[in-house]
């Protein structure tokens, strides 16, 4: 079987990335994996305009993980001061649990250091996703104590099924530049 290959997304990848993210987080297909938000939100998770902005951004990159022609994972990296913002992280529900997410995160960490000399990666996770937060904590992320409001009323991010959603901010130090190949 072909090994995992990482590459930077182009405009030609936008539709496939939107489909991947939607399948990992929303609707019935997302229930095939453990990252589903289907019990918290319905509607879209992202759209072509949002993904296209990351792909075309000056201080952002969308990284893809592929095996052969199969798109298995993606993540966004964005320069954020002395750190990097890590988001739009998705692995195909059928491929979850196989180490792809860990490998993609390690690749993103190295890219943030290589591109911007980022000292840390920071991300937001819905506070009610305890299982997902615990996974990130096992990978070195820690809660900063900061919280951010959920964008209620903006259907670009979905339609909440509860009224208490908010984000917690997680951060982890990146590998030092000497550790990055």
C-alpha atoms as a PDB file:
ATOM      1  CA  UNK A   1       0.000   0.000   0.000  1.00  0.00           C
ATOM      2  CA  UNK A   2       1.269   3.476  -0.858  1.00  0.00           C
ATOM      3  CA  UNK A   3       2.470   5.534   2.083  1.00  0.00           C
ATOM      4  CA  UNK A   4       1.001   8.843   3.140  1.00  0.00           C
ATOM      5  CA  UNK A   5       2.080  11.883   1.120  1.00  0.00           C
ATOM      6  CA  UNK A   6       1.731  15.477   2.333  1.00  0.00           C
ATOM      7  CA  UNK A   7       1.304  18.417   0.008  1.00  0.00           C
ATOM      8  CA  UNK A   8      -0.008  21.964  -0.112  1.00  0.00           C
ATOM      9  CA  UNK A   9      -3.552  22.389  -1.425  1.00  0.00           C
ATOM     10  CA  UNK A  10      -4.258  24.376  -4.574  1.00  0.00           C
ATOM     11  CA  UNK A  11      -7.430  26.019  -5.832  1.00  0.00           C
ATOM     12  CA  UNK A  12      -8.210  22.777  -7.696  1.00  0.00           C
ATOM     13  CA  UNK A  13      -8.488  20.968  -4.314  1.00  0.00           C
ATOM     14  CA  UNK A  14     -11.074  23.264  -2.704  1.00  0.00           C
ATOM     15  CA  UNK A  15     -14.202  21.212  -3.498  1.00  0.00           C
ATOM     16  CA  UNK A  16     -12.592  17.950  -2.329  1.00  0.00           C
ATOM     17  CA  UNK A  17     -11.440  19.598   0.916  1.00  0.00           C
ATOM     18  CA  UNK A  18     -14.934  20.963   1.623  1.00  0.00           C
ATOM     19  CA  UNK A  19     -16.366  17.460   1.091  1.00  0.00           C
ATOM     20  CA  UNK A  20     -13.727  15.920   3.379  1.00  0.00           C
ATOM     21  CA  UNK A  21     -14.357  18.409   6.198  1.00  0.00           C
ATOM     22  CA  UNK A  22     -18.124  18.012   5.930  1.00  0.00           C
ATOM     23  CA  UNK A  23     -17.824  14.204   6.015  1.00  0.00           C
ATOM     24  CA  UNK A  24     -15.664  14.309   9.140  1.00  0.00           C
ATOM     25  CA  UNK A  25     -17.883  16.632  11.188  1.00  0.00           C
ATOM     26  CA  UNK A  26     -21.459  16.906   9.943  1.00  0.00           C
ATOM     27  CA  UNK A  27     -24.370  14.697   9.017  1.00  0.00           C
ATOM     28  CA  UNK A  28     -24.680  10.937   8.897  1.00  0.00           C
ATOM     29  CA  UNK A  29     -21.353  10.261   7.136  1.00  0.00           C
ATOM     30  CA  UNK A  30     -19.533  11.874  10.097  1.00  0.00           C
ATOM     31  CA  UNK A  31     -21.002   9.293  12.471  1.00  0.00           C
ATOM     32  CA  UNK A  32     -18.669   6.738  10.858  1.00  0.00           C
ATOM     33  CA  UNK A  33     -15.775   8.375  12.740  1.00  0.00           C
ATOM     34  CA  UNK A  34     -15.300   9.737  16.223  1.00  0.00           C
ATOM     35  CA  UNK A  35     -14.870  13.441  15.325  1.00  0.00           C
ATOM     36  CA  UNK A  36     -18.532  14.050  14.502  1.00  0.00           C
ATOM     37  CA  UNK A  37     -20.252  17.211  15.698  1.00  0.00           C
ATOM     38  CA  UNK A  38     -23.625  15.973  14.428  1.00  0.00           C
ATOM     39  CA  UNK A  39     -25.147  15.993  17.934  1.00  0.00           C
ATOM     40  CA  UNK A  40     -24.077  19.614  18.481  1.00  0.00           C
ATOM     41  CA  UNK A  41     -24.515  21.258  15.083  1.00  0.00           C
ATOM     42  CA  UNK A  42     -26.247  20.716  11.776  1.00  0.00           C
ATOM     43  CA  UNK A  43     -25.732  22.394   8.452  1.00  0.00           C
ATOM     44  CA  UNK A  44     -22.368  23.161   6.950  1.00  0.00           C
ATOM     45  CA  UNK A  45     -18.994  23.152   8.704  1.00  0.00           C
ATOM     46  CA  UNK A  46     -17.196  25.108   6.006  1.00  0.00           C
ATOM     47  CA  UNK A  47     -17.619  26.272   2.435  1.00  0.00           C
ATOM     48  CA  UNK A  48     -15.619  26.845  -0.735  1.00  0.00           C
ATOM     49  CA  UNK A  49     -15.109  30.542   0.044  1.00  0.00           C
ATOM     50  CA  UNK A  50     -13.601  29.785   3.457  1.00  0.00           C
ATOM     51  CA  UNK A  51     -11.330  27.025   2.176  1.00  0.00           C
ATOM     52  CA  UNK A  52     -10.380  29.111  -0.855  1.00  0.00           C
ATOM     53  CA  UNK A  53      -9.353  31.997   1.417  1.00  0.00           C
ATOM     54  CA  UNK A  54      -6.944  29.715   3.283  1.00  0.00           C
ATOM     55  CA  UNK A  55      -5.528  28.269   0.054  1.00  0.00           C
ATOM     56  CA  UNK A  56      -5.043  31.731  -1.445  1.00  0.00           C
ATOM     57  CA  UNK A  57      -3.941  33.469   1.752  1.00  0.00           C
ATOM     58  CA  UNK A  58      -0.589  35.202   2.067  1.00  0.00           C
ATOM     59  CA  UNK A  59       0.106  33.922   5.596  1.00  0.00           C
ATOM     60  CA  UNK A  60      -1.815  30.649   5.446  1.00  0.00           C
ATOM     61  CA  UNK A  61      -1.529  27.208   3.934  1.00  0.00           C
ATOM     62  CA  UNK A  62      -3.852  24.236   3.693  1.00  0.00           C
ATOM     63  CA  UNK A  63      -1.963  20.957   4.016  1.00  0.00           C
ATOM     64  CA  UNK A  64      -3.298  17.699   2.599  1.00  0.00           C
ATOM     65  CA  UNK A  65      -2.570  14.071   3.451  1.00  0.00           C
ATOM     66  CA  UNK A  66      -3.080  11.627   0.595  1.00  0.00           C
ATOM     67  CA  UNK A  67      -2.547   7.963  -0.064  1.00  0.00           C
ATOM     68  CA  UNK A  68      -2.384   7.541  -3.805  1.00  0.00           C
ATOM     69  CA  UNK A  69      -5.229   9.630  -5.201  1.00  0.00           C
ATOM     70  CA  UNK A  70      -7.285   9.384  -1.992  1.00  0.00           C
ATOM     71  CA  UNK A  71      -7.550  12.572   0.073  1.00  0.00           C
ATOM     72  CA  UNK A  72      -7.476  11.359   3.684  1.00  0.00           C
ATOM     73  CA  UNK A  73      -6.823  14.477   5.754  1.00  0.00           C
ATOM     74  CA  UNK A  74      -6.332  18.213   5.798  1.00  0.00           C
ATOM     75  CA  UNK A  75      -5.397  21.046   8.106  1.00  0.00           C
ATOM     76  CA  UNK A  76      -5.017  24.781   7.984  1.00  0.00           C
ATOM     77  CA  UNK A  77      -1.951  26.628   9.220  1.00  0.00           C
ATOM     78  CA  UNK A  78      -1.999  30.383   9.590  1.00  0.00           C
ATOM     79  CA  UNK A  79       0.707  32.700  10.875  1.00  0.00           C
ATOM     80  CA  UNK A  80      -0.427  34.138  14.211  1.00  0.00           C
ATOM     81  CA  UNK A  81       2.199  36.428  15.703  1.00  0.00           C
ATOM     82  CA  UNK A  82       4.979  34.277  17.135  1.00  0.00           C
ATOM     83  CA  UNK A  83       2.887  31.152  16.730  1.00  0.00           C
ATOM     84  CA  UNK A  84       0.747  29.377  14.224  1.00  0.00           C
ATOM     85  CA  UNK A  85      -3.000  28.822  14.207  1.00  0.00           C
ATOM     86  CA  UNK A  86      -3.904  25.179  13.529  1.00  0.00           C
ATOM     87  CA  UNK A  87      -7.428  24.517  12.288  1.00  0.00           C
ATOM     88  CA  UNK A  88      -9.709  23.009   9.648  1.00  0.00           C
ATOM     89  CA  UNK A  89      -8.273  19.683  10.800  1.00  0.00           C
ATOM     90  CA  UNK A  90     -10.128  16.721   9.350  1.00  0.00           C
ATOM     91  CA  UNK A  91      -9.490  13.061   8.642  1.00  0.00           C
ATOM     92  CA  UNK A  92     -11.849  10.956   6.570  1.00  0.00           C
ATOM     93  CA  UNK A  93     -14.172   8.998   8.917  1.00  0.00           C
ATOM     94  CA  UNK A  94     -13.173   5.751   7.175  1.00  0.00           C
ATOM     95  CA  UNK A  95      -9.484   6.458   7.890  1.00  0.00           C
ATOM     96  CA  UNK A  96      -9.789   7.688  11.490  1.00  0.00           C
ATOM     97  CA  UNK A  97      -7.927   5.732  14.129  1.00  0.00           C
ATOM     98  CA  UNK A  98      -5.070   4.808  11.786  1.00  0.00           C
ATOM     99  CA  UNK A  99      -2.548   7.450  12.847  1.00  0.00           C
ATOM    100  CA  UNK A 100      -3.159   9.821   9.949  1.00  0.00           C
ATOM    101  CA  UNK A 101      -4.214  12.679  12.236  1.00  0.00           C
ATOM    102  CA  UNK A 102      -1.086  12.347  14.380  1.00  0.00           C
ATOM    103  CA  UNK A 103       1.147  12.290  11.316  1.00  0.00           C
ATOM    104  CA  UNK A 104      -0.611  15.273   9.762  1.00  0.00           C
ATOM    105  CA  UNK A 105      -0.293  17.239  13.013  1.00  0.00           C
ATOM    106  CA  UNK A 106       3.446  16.437  13.191  1.00  0.00           C
ATOM    107  CA  UNK A 107       3.844  17.589   9.581  1.00  0.00           C
ATOM    108  CA  UNK A 108       1.910  20.799  10.311  1.00  0.00           C
ATOM    109  CA  UNK A 109       4.100  21.465  13.341  1.00  0.00           C
ATOM    110  CA  UNK A 110       7.248  21.134  11.227  1.00  0.00           C
ATOM    111  CA  UNK A 111       5.764  23.347   8.496  1.00  0.00           C
ATOM    112  CA  UNK A 112       4.854  26.098  10.995  1.00  0.00           C
ATOM    113  CA  UNK A 113       8.440  26.119  12.244  1.00  0.00           C
ATOM    114  CA  UNK A 114       9.932  25.946   8.750  1.00  0.00           C
ATOM    115  CA  UNK A 115       7.713  28.667   7.274  1.00  0.00           C
ATOM    116  CA  UNK A 116       7.404  31.130  10.152  1.00  0.00           C
ATOM    117  CA  UNK A 117       9.675  29.887  12.973  1.00  0.00           C
ATOM    118  CA  UNK A 118       6.479  29.441  15.031  1.00  0.00           C
ATOM    119  CA  UNK A 119       7.103  28.870  18.736  1.00  0.00           C
ATOM    120  CA  UNK A 120       3.689  27.274  19.294  1.00  0.00           C
ATOM    121  CA  UNK A 121       0.532  26.003  17.640  1.00  0.00           C
ATOM    122  CA  UNK A 122      -2.788  27.319  18.889  1.00  0.00           C
ATOM    123  CA  UNK A 123      -6.274  26.101  18.097  1.00  0.00           C
ATOM    124  CA  UNK A 124      -9.881  26.298  19.235  1.00  0.00           C
ATOM    125  CA  UNK A 125     -12.141  23.341  20.009  1.00  0.00           C
ATOM    126  CA  UNK A 126     -15.809  23.336  20.979  1.00  0.00           C
ATOM    127  CA  UNK A 127     -15.765  23.086  24.783  1.00  0.00           C
ATOM    128  CA  UNK A 128     -18.394  20.346  24.783  1.00  0.00           C
ATOM    129  CA  UNK A 129     -16.048  18.034  22.803  1.00  0.00           C
ATOM    130  CA  UNK A 130     -14.304  16.517  25.818  1.00  0.00           C
ATOM    131  CA  UNK A 131     -13.137  13.439  23.906  1.00  0.00           C
ATOM    132  CA  UNK A 132     -11.510  15.546  21.217  1.00  0.00           C
ATOM    133  CA  UNK A 133      -9.907  17.913  23.739  1.00  0.00           C
ATOM    134  CA  UNK A 134      -8.487  14.894  25.603  1.00  0.00           C
ATOM    135  CA  UNK A 135      -6.967  13.600  22.337  1.00  0.00           C
ATOM    136  CA  UNK A 136      -5.266  16.942  21.724  1.00  0.00           C
ATOM    137  CA  UNK A 137      -4.026  17.006  25.314  1.00  0.00           C
ATOM    138  CA  UNK A 138      -2.421  13.595  24.784  1.00  0.00           C
ATOM    139  CA  UNK A 139      -0.581  15.178  21.842  1.00  0.00           C
ATOM    140  CA  UNK A 140       0.868  17.993  23.953  1.00  0.00           C
ATOM    141  CA  UNK A 141      -1.819  20.669  23.722  1.00  0.00           C
ATOM    142  CA  UNK A 142      -2.940  22.349  26.942  1.00  0.00           C
ATOM    143  CA  UNK A 143      -5.870  24.596  27.732  1.00  0.00           C
ATOM    144  CA  UNK A 144      -4.816  28.233  27.922  1.00  0.00           C
ATOM    145  CA  UNK A 145      -7.816  29.241  30.031  1.00  0.00           C
ATOM    146  CA  UNK A 146      -9.094  31.451  27.212  1.00  0.00           C
ATOM    147  CA  UNK A 147     -12.552  30.906  25.757  1.00  0.00           C
ATOM    148  CA  UNK A 148     -14.142  32.299  22.622  1.00  0.00           C
ATOM    149  CA  UNK A 149     -17.830  32.610  21.788  1.00  0.00           C
ATOM    150  CA  UNK A 150     -19.452  30.375  19.206  1.00  0.00           C
ATOM    151  CA  UNK A 151     -20.620  32.440  16.182  1.00  0.00           C
ATOM    152  CA  UNK A 152     -24.360  31.972  16.762  1.00  0.00           C
ATOM    153  CA  UNK A 153     -26.423  33.312  13.876  1.00  0.00           C
ATOM    154  CA  UNK A 154     -23.692  32.796  11.279  1.00  0.00           C
ATOM    155  CA  UNK A 155     -24.815  29.718   9.372  1.00  0.00           C
ATOM    156  CA  UNK A 156     -21.456  29.516   7.574  1.00  0.00           C
ATOM    157  CA  UNK A 157     -20.381  27.592  10.693  1.00  0.00           C
ATOM    158  CA  UNK A 158     -23.542  25.533  11.092  1.00  0.00           C
ATOM    159  CA  UNK A 159     -26.797  25.677  13.024  1.00  0.00           C
ATOM    160  CA  UNK A 160     -26.296  24.930  16.726  1.00  0.00           C
ATOM    161  CA  UNK A 161     -28.528  22.324  18.319  1.00  0.00           C
ATOM    162  CA  UNK A 162     -27.805  23.749  21.796  1.00  0.00           C
ATOM    163  CA  UNK A 163     -27.431  27.224  23.232  1.00  0.00           C
ATOM    164  CA  UNK A 164     -24.287  26.721  25.350  1.00  0.00           C
ATOM    165  CA  UNK A 165     -21.574  26.199  22.717  1.00  0.00           C
ATOM    166  CA  UNK A 166     -18.256  27.974  23.078  1.00  0.00           C
ATOM    167  CA  UNK A 167     -14.636  27.348  22.154  1.00  0.00           C
ATOM    168  CA  UNK A 168     -11.683  26.627  24.406  1.00  0.00           C
ATOM    169  CA  UNK A 169      -8.231  27.683  23.267  1.00  0.00           C
ATOM    170  CA  UNK A 170      -5.523  25.022  23.247  1.00  0.00           C
ATOM    171  CA  UNK A 171      -1.799  25.569  22.715  1.00  0.00           C
ATOM    172  CA  UNK A 172       1.331  23.463  22.461  1.00  0.00           C
ATOM    173  CA  UNK A 173       4.954  24.365  21.828  1.00  0.00           C
ATOM    174  CA  UNK A 174       6.277  23.449  18.414  1.00  0.00           C
ATOM    175  CA  UNK A 175       9.407  21.437  17.780  1.00  0.00           C
ATOM    176  CA  UNK A 176      12.473  23.616  17.945  1.00  0.00           C
ATOM    177  CA  UNK A 177      13.975  24.574  14.573  1.00  0.00           C
ATOM    178  CA  UNK A 178      16.930  22.243  15.235  1.00  0.00           C
ATOM    179  CA  UNK A 179      14.485  19.298  15.515  1.00  0.00           C
ATOM    180  CA  UNK A 180      12.816  19.981  12.180  1.00  0.00           C
ATOM    181  CA  UNK A 181      14.344  18.248   9.142  1.00  0.00           C
END
